[in-house]
Structure formats: structure tokens, C-alpha cells
Amino acid sequence: MLHARRELATLEGIFASPEGAATVIAARKLAAAGWIKPEETVVLFNTGTGYKYAEAWQRALQSPSGGAA
């Protein structure tokens, strides 16, 4: 989720909540499995803000595994 959150922040300017970042991961897995077809349009909803989880994001990014995500 950290990688997805970084991507959303870098590419889209969205400071996503963890559940918002999880939608990116889920969509990628569904596309890889063929559930989402290349010609289909998919809308992902991020209903929260990363600011609610700023402390958790900070801890995750400071952990040894946080840099590798």
C-alpha cells in the first residue's frame, strides 16, 4: 500500500488513505486476473484522506520495510 500511496501522491497529487491506496492494488490484481478488461473504464474511490493517518504513514515510512514498498 505504501507504493500505491506514493504513486497516487506523485502522479495524481492525492494523499490517499490506506483504504484508498488498497483500491489501486485491488484494481491491478483484478486487471491481471482478467476481471477488468483493458477497454473498460474503472473508477476508484478514495473516501478518506491520508491526513487522518499521517502518524501511521510516517511510522510505516520510517520502518525498515517502508522504503522497499
PDB file of N, CA and C in Angstrom:
ATOM      1  N   MET A   1       0.821  -1.188   0.000  1.00  0.00           N
ATOM      2  CA  MET A   1       0.000   0.000   0.000  1.00  0.00           C
ATOM      3  C   MET A   1       0.869   1.258   0.000  1.00  0.00           C
ATOM      4  N   LEU A   2       2.042   1.154   0.596  1.00  0.00           N
ATOM      5  CA  LEU A   2       2.916   2.334   0.614  1.00  0.00           C
ATOM      6  C   LEU A   2       3.317   2.739  -0.798  1.00  0.00           C
ATOM      7  N   HIS A   3       3.620   1.744  -1.622  1.00  0.00           N
ATOM      8  CA  HIS A   3       3.989   2.046  -3.008  1.00  0.00           C
ATOM      9  C   HIS A   3       2.814   2.681  -3.752  1.00  0.00           C
ATOM     10  N   ALA A   4       1.629   2.132  -3.568  1.00  0.00           N
ATOM     11  CA  ALA A   4       0.441   2.681  -4.226  1.00  0.00           C
ATOM     12  C   ALA A   4       0.159   4.095  -3.733  1.00  0.00           C
ATOM     13  N   ARG A   5       0.331   4.326  -2.443  1.00  0.00           N
ATOM     14  CA  ARG A   5       0.111   5.654  -1.887  1.00  0.00           C
ATOM     15  C   ARG A   5       1.108   6.647  -2.466  1.00  0.00           C
ATOM     16  N   ARG A   6       2.365   6.225  -2.596  1.00  0.00           N
ATOM     17  CA  ARG A   6       3.384   7.100  -3.200  1.00  0.00           C
ATOM     18  C   ARG A   6       3.038   7.427  -4.647  1.00  0.00           C
ATOM     19  N   GLU A   7       2.596   6.418  -5.378  1.00  0.00           N
ATOM     20  CA  GLU A   7       2.204   6.633  -6.776  1.00  0.00           C
ATOM     21  C   GLU A   7       1.059   7.629  -6.885  1.00  0.00           C
ATOM     22  N   LEU A   8       0.029   7.460  -6.065  1.00  0.00           N
ATOM     23  CA  LEU A   8      -1.099   8.384  -6.093  1.00  0.00           C
ATOM     24  C   LEU A   8      -0.645   9.798  -5.762  1.00  0.00           C
ATOM     25  N   ALA A   9       0.244   9.931  -4.804  1.00  0.00           N
ATOM     26  CA  ALA A   9       0.733  11.257  -4.426  1.00  0.00           C
ATOM     27  C   ALA A   9       1.579  11.866  -5.547  1.00  0.00           C
ATOM     28  N   THR A  10       2.458  11.089  -6.113  1.00  0.00           N
ATOM     29  CA  THR A  10       3.365  11.587  -7.137  1.00  0.00           C
ATOM     30  C   THR A  10       2.666  11.864  -8.465  1.00  0.00           C
ATOM     31  N   LEU A  11       1.860  10.921  -8.916  1.00  0.00           N
ATOM     32  CA  LEU A  11       1.255  11.026 -10.248  1.00  0.00           C
ATOM     33  C   LEU A  11      -0.051  11.807 -10.276  1.00  0.00           C
ATOM     34  N   GLU A  12      -0.803  11.751  -9.174  1.00  0.00           N
ATOM     35  CA  GLU A  12      -2.137  12.356  -9.169  1.00  0.00           C
ATOM     36  C   GLU A  12      -2.305  13.481  -8.159  1.00  0.00           C
ATOM     37  N   GLY A  13      -1.342  13.648  -7.248  1.00  0.00           N
ATOM     38  CA  GLY A  13      -1.462  14.678  -6.227  1.00  0.00           C
ATOM     39  C   GLY A  13      -2.480  14.326  -5.156  1.00  0.00           C
ATOM     40  N   ILE A  14      -2.698  13.035  -4.943  1.00  0.00           N
ATOM     41  CA  ILE A  14      -3.686  12.572  -3.969  1.00  0.00           C
ATOM     42  C   ILE A  14      -2.963  11.978  -2.771  1.00  0.00           C
ATOM     43  N   PHE A  15      -3.256  12.502  -1.579  1.00  0.00           N
ATOM     44  CA  PHE A  15      -2.725  11.934  -0.343  1.00  0.00           C
ATOM     45  C   PHE A  15      -3.771  10.955   0.166  1.00  0.00           C
ATOM     46  N   ALA A  16      -3.668   9.719  -0.309  1.00  0.00           N
ATOM     47  CA  ALA A  16      -4.710   8.721  -0.093  1.00  0.00           C
ATOM     48  C   ALA A  16      -4.688   8.134   1.305  1.00  0.00           C
ATOM     49  N   SER A  17      -5.857   7.719   1.734  1.00  0.00           N
ATOM     50  CA  SER A  17      -5.982   6.940   2.958  1.00  0.00           C
ATOM     51  C   SER A  17      -5.504   5.516   2.634  1.00  0.00           C
ATOM     52  N   PRO A  18      -5.206   4.708   3.649  1.00  0.00           N
ATOM     53  CA  PRO A  18      -4.775   3.336   3.362  1.00  0.00           C
ATOM     54  C   PRO A  18      -5.796   2.552   2.520  1.00  0.00           C
ATOM     55  N   GLU A  19      -7.087   2.736   2.841  1.00  0.00           N
ATOM     56  CA  GLU A  19      -8.097   2.012   2.060  1.00  0.00           C
ATOM     57  C   GLU A  19      -8.186   2.537   0.631  1.00  0.00           C
ATOM     58  N   GLY A  20      -7.889   3.806   0.428  1.00  0.00           N
ATOM     59  CA  GLY A  20      -7.846   4.358  -0.923  1.00  0.00           C
ATOM     60  C   GLY A  20      -6.695   3.776  -1.723  1.00  0.00           C
ATOM     61  N   ALA A  21      -5.542   3.643  -1.071  1.00  0.00           N
ATOM     62  CA  ALA A  21      -4.385   3.030  -1.736  1.00  0.00           C
ATOM     63  C   ALA A  21      -4.659   1.558  -2.040  1.00  0.00           C
ATOM     64  N   ALA A  22      -5.401   0.904  -1.166  1.00  0.00           N
ATOM     65  CA  ALA A  22      -5.729  -0.510  -1.381  1.00  0.00           C
ATOM     66  C   ALA A  22      -6.567  -0.711  -2.640  1.00  0.00           C
ATOM     67  N   THR A  23      -7.381   0.284  -3.019  1.00  0.00           N
ATOM     68  CA  THR A  23      -8.183   0.133  -4.242  1.00  0.00           C
ATOM     69  C   THR A  23      -7.299   0.050  -5.475  1.00  0.00           C
ATOM     70  N   VAL A  24      -6.170   0.745  -5.449  1.00  0.00           N
ATOM     71  CA  VAL A  24      -5.226   0.686  -6.583  1.00  0.00           C
ATOM     72  C   VAL A  24      -4.660  -0.726  -6.706  1.00  0.00           C
ATOM     73  N   ILE A  25      -4.265  -1.283  -5.583  1.00  0.00           N
ATOM     74  CA  ILE A  25      -3.720  -2.643  -5.576  1.00  0.00           C
ATOM     75  C   ILE A  25      -4.768  -3.643  -6.048  1.00  0.00           C
ATOM     76  N   ALA A  26      -5.993  -3.502  -5.547  1.00  0.00           N
ATOM     77  CA  ALA A  26      -7.068  -4.413  -5.936  1.00  0.00           C
ATOM     78  C   ALA A  26      -7.366  -4.318  -7.431  1.00  0.00           C
ATOM     79  N   ALA A  27      -7.410  -3.108  -7.957  1.00  0.00           N
ATOM     80  CA  ALA A  27      -7.684  -2.928  -9.386  1.00  0.00           C
ATOM     81  C   ALA A  27      -6.593  -3.567 -10.235  1.00  0.00           C
ATOM     82  N   ARG A  28      -5.359  -3.408  -9.823  1.00  0.00           N
ATOM     83  CA  ARG A  28      -4.254  -4.030 -10.573  1.00  0.00           C
ATOM     84  C   ARG A  28      -4.355  -5.547 -10.556  1.00  0.00           C
ATOM     85  N   LYS A  29      -4.685  -6.106  -9.409  1.00  0.00           N
ATOM     86  CA  LYS A  29      -4.818  -7.561  -9.316  1.00  0.00           C
ATOM     87  C   LYS A  29      -5.993  -8.062 -10.149  1.00  0.00           C
ATOM     88  N   LEU A  30      -7.104  -7.328 -10.117  1.00  0.00           N
ATOM     89  CA  LEU A  30      -8.258  -7.718 -10.925  1.00  0.00           C
ATOM     90  C   LEU A  30      -7.958  -7.617 -12.418  1.00  0.00           C
ATOM     91  N   ALA A  31      -7.204  -6.607 -12.810  1.00  0.00           N
ATOM     92  CA  ALA A  31      -6.819  -6.468 -14.223  1.00  0.00           C
ATOM     93  C   ALA A  31      -5.880  -7.605 -14.628  1.00  0.00           C
ATOM     94  N   ALA A  32      -4.936  -7.934 -13.764  1.00  0.00           N
ATOM     95  CA  ALA A  32      -4.001  -9.023 -14.066  1.00  0.00           C
ATOM     96  C   ALA A  32      -4.723 -10.364 -14.181  1.00  0.00           C
ATOM     97  N   ALA A  33      -5.799 -10.525 -13.409  1.00  0.00           N
ATOM     98  CA  ALA A  33      -6.569 -11.769 -13.440  1.00  0.00           C
ATOM     99  C   ALA A  33      -7.592 -11.798 -14.573  1.00  0.00           C
ATOM    100  N   GLY A  34      -7.733 -10.683 -15.287  1.00  0.00           N
ATOM    101  CA  GLY A  34      -8.667 -10.642 -16.405  1.00  0.00           C
ATOM    102  C   GLY A  34     -10.070 -10.196 -16.035  1.00  0.00           C
ATOM    103  N   TRP A  35     -10.303  -9.869 -14.773  1.00  0.00           N
ATOM    104  CA  TRP A  35     -11.629  -9.408 -14.356  1.00  0.00           C
ATOM    105  C   TRP A  35     -11.927  -8.021 -14.895  1.00  0.00           C
ATOM    106  N   ILE A  36     -10.902  -7.199 -14.980  1.00  0.00           N
ATOM    107  CA  ILE A  36     -11.041  -5.872 -15.575  1.00  0.00           C
ATOM    108  C   ILE A  36     -10.341  -5.920 -16.927  1.00  0.00           C
ATOM    109  N   LYS A  37     -11.088  -5.640 -17.969  1.00  0.00           N
ATOM    110  CA  LYS A  37     -10.554  -5.688 -19.333  1.00  0.00           C
ATOM    111  C   LYS A  37      -9.894  -4.352 -19.696  1.00  0.00           C
ATOM    112  N   PRO A  38      -8.891  -4.379 -20.575  1.00  0.00           N
ATOM    113  CA  PRO A  38      -8.182  -3.147 -20.958  1.00  0.00           C
ATOM    114  C   PRO A  38      -9.100  -2.055 -21.505  1.00  0.00           C
ATOM    115  N   GLU A  39     -10.176  -2.432 -22.164  1.00  0.00           N
ATOM    116  CA  GLU A  39     -11.070  -1.436 -22.759  1.00  0.00           C
ATOM    117  C   GLU A  39     -12.105  -0.886 -21.772  1.00  0.00           C
ATOM    118  N   GLU A  40     -12.164  -1.437 -20.580  1.00  0.00           N
ATOM    119  CA  GLU A  40     -13.131  -0.998 -19.581  1.00  0.00           C
ATOM    120  C   GLU A  40     -12.623   0.237 -18.819  1.00  0.00           C
ATOM    121  N   THR A  41     -13.575   1.035 -18.387  1.00  0.00           N
ATOM    122  CA  THR A  41     -13.269   2.187 -17.539  1.00  0.00           C
ATOM    123  C   THR A  41     -13.626   1.821 -16.103  1.00  0.00           C
ATOM    124  N   VAL A  42     -12.709   2.085 -15.203  1.00  0.00           N
ATOM    125  CA  VAL A  42     -12.916   1.763 -13.797  1.00  0.00           C
ATOM    126  C   VAL A  42     -12.698   3.034 -12.981  1.00  0.00           C
ATOM    127  N   VAL A  43     -13.551   3.256 -12.000  1.00  0.00           N
ATOM    128  CA  VAL A  43     -13.423   4.400 -11.110  1.00  0.00           C
ATOM    129  C   VAL A  43     -13.066   3.870  -9.723  1.00  0.00           C
ATOM    130  N   LEU A  44     -11.986   4.394  -9.172  1.00  0.00           N
ATOM    131  CA  LEU A  44     -11.574   4.020  -7.819  1.00  0.00           C
ATOM    132  C   LEU A  44     -11.904   5.179  -6.895  1.00  0.00           C
ATOM    133  N   PHE A  45     -12.497   4.863  -5.760  1.00  0.00           N
ATOM    134  CA  PHE A  45     -12.880   5.901  -4.808  1.00  0.00           C
ATOM    135  C   PHE A  45     -11.932   5.904  -3.614  1.00  0.00           C
ATOM    136  N   ASN A  46     -11.438   7.066  -3.306  1.00  0.00           N
ATOM    137  CA  ASN A  46     -10.666   7.280  -2.084  1.00  0.00           C
ATOM    138  C   ASN A  46     -11.535   8.165  -1.204  1.00  0.00           C
ATOM    139  N   THR A  47     -12.205   7.551  -0.248  1.00  0.00           N
ATOM    140  CA  THR A  47     -13.188   8.291   0.544  1.00  0.00           C
ATOM    141  C   THR A  47     -12.606   8.910   1.799  1.00  0.00           C
ATOM    142  N   GLY A  48     -11.337   8.696   2.037  1.00  0.00           N
ATOM    143  CA  GLY A  48     -10.682   9.267   3.209  1.00  0.00           C
ATOM    144  C   GLY A  48      -9.495  10.108   2.785  1.00  0.00           C
ATOM    145  N   THR A  49      -8.771  10.583   3.756  1.00  0.00           N
ATOM    146  CA  THR A  49      -7.580  11.365   3.470  1.00  0.00           C
ATOM    147  C   THR A  49      -6.403  10.791   4.229  1.00  0.00           C
ATOM    148  N   GLY A  50      -5.252  10.890   3.638  1.00  0.00           N
ATOM    149  CA  GLY A  50      -4.046  10.423   4.289  1.00  0.00           C
ATOM    150  C   GLY A  50      -3.721  11.200   5.546  1.00  0.00           C
ATOM    151  N   TYR A  51      -4.272  12.410   5.659  1.00  0.00           N
ATOM    152  CA  TYR A  51      -4.021  13.228   6.843  1.00  0.00           C
ATOM    153  C   TYR A  51      -4.574  12.580   8.107  1.00  0.00           C
ATOM    154  N   LYS A  52      -5.656  11.831   7.973  1.00  0.00           N
ATOM    155  CA  LYS A  52      -6.212  11.118   9.124  1.00  0.00           C
ATOM    156  C   LYS A  52      -5.231  10.076   9.636  1.00  0.00           C
ATOM    157  N   TYR A  53      -4.344   9.614   8.763  1.00  0.00           N
ATOM    158  CA  TYR A  53      -3.421   8.533   9.074  1.00  0.00           C
ATOM    159  C   TYR A  53      -1.967   8.991   9.007  1.00  0.00           C
ATOM    160  N   ALA A  54      -1.728  10.282   9.137  1.00  0.00           N
ATOM    161  CA  ALA A  54      -0.380  10.831   8.963  1.00  0.00           C
ATOM    162  C   ALA A  54       0.636  10.146   9.875  1.00  0.00           C
ATOM    163  N   GLU A  55       0.259   9.918  11.114  1.00  0.00           N
ATOM    164  CA  GLU A  55       1.186   9.274  12.047  1.00  0.00           C
ATOM    165  C   GLU A  55       1.490   7.837  11.619  1.00  0.00           C
ATOM    166  N   ALA A  56       0.477   7.113  11.189  1.00  0.00           N
ATOM    167  CA  ALA A  56       0.684   5.734  10.737  1.00  0.00           C
ATOM    168  C   ALA A  56       1.540   5.697   9.483  1.00  0.00           C
ATOM    169  N   TRP A  57       1.295   6.596   8.527  1.00  0.00           N
ATOM    170  CA  TRP A  57       2.115   6.652   7.311  1.00  0.00           C
ATOM    171  C   TRP A  57       3.559   6.955   7.669  1.00  0.00           C
ATOM    172  N   GLN A  58       3.754   7.899   8.586  1.00  0.00           N
ATOM    173  CA  GLN A  58       5.107   8.276   8.988  1.00  0.00           C
ATOM    174  C   GLN A  58       5.838   7.086   9.604  1.00  0.00           C
ATOM    175  N   ARG A  59       5.172   6.363  10.499  1.00  0.00           N
ATOM    176  CA  ARG A  59       5.790   5.180  11.108  1.00  0.00           C
ATOM    177  C   ARG A  59       6.123   4.139  10.051  1.00  0.00           C
ATOM    178  N   ALA A  60       5.212   3.903   9.123  1.00  0.00           N
ATOM    179  CA  ALA A  60       5.441   2.898   8.081  1.00  0.00           C
ATOM    180  C   ALA A  60       6.608   3.289   7.185  1.00  0.00           C
ATOM    181  N   LEU A  61       6.714   4.555   6.869  1.00  0.00           N
ATOM    182  CA  LEU A  61       7.796   5.011   6.009  1.00  0.00           C
ATOM    183  C   LEU A  61       9.145   4.980   6.713  1.00  0.00           C
ATOM    184  N   GLN A  62       9.150   5.050   8.032  1.00  0.00           N
ATOM    185  CA  GLN A  62      10.389   5.007   8.794  1.00  0.00           C
ATOM    186  C   GLN A  62      10.812   3.573   9.120  1.00  0.00           C
ATOM    187  N   SER A  63       9.917   2.621   8.958  1.00  0.00           N
ATOM    188  CA  SER A  63      10.251   1.220   9.255  1.00  0.00           C
ATOM    189  C   SER A  63      11.168   0.681   8.171  1.00  0.00           C
ATOM    190  N   PRO A  64      11.951  -0.356   8.491  1.00  0.00           N
ATOM    191  CA  PRO A  64      12.870  -0.943   7.500  1.00  0.00           C
ATOM    192  C   PRO A  64      12.180  -1.399   6.220  1.00  0.00           C
ATOM    193  N   SER A  65      10.946  -1.923   6.332  1.00  0.00           N
ATOM    194  CA  SER A  65      10.234  -2.394   5.135  1.00  0.00           C
ATOM    195  C   SER A  65       9.564  -1.250   4.388  1.00  0.00           C
ATOM    196  N   GLY A  66       9.402  -0.080   5.017  1.00  0.00           N
ATOM    197  CA  GLY A  66       8.720   1.044   4.390  1.00  0.00           C
ATOM    198  C   GLY A  66       9.414   1.576   3.164  1.00  0.00           C
ATOM    199  N   GLY A  67      10.736   1.566   3.143  1.00  0.00           N
ATOM    200  CA  GLY A  67      11.470   2.064   1.999  1.00  0.00           C
ATOM    201  C   GLY A  67      11.415   1.158   0.792  1.00  0.00           C
ATOM    202  N   ALA A  68      11.120  -0.108   1.023  1.00  0.00           N
ATOM    203  CA  ALA A  68      11.140  -1.085  -0.066  1.00  0.00           C
ATOM    204  C   ALA A  68       9.788  -1.251  -0.732  1.00  0.00           C
ATOM    205  N   ALA A  69       8.760  -0.664  -0.189  1.00  0.00           N
ATOM    206  CA  ALA A  69       7.402  -0.870  -0.717  1.00  0.00           C
ATOM    207  C   ALA A  69       7.204  -0.190  -2.053  1.00  0.00           C
TER     208      ALA A  69
END
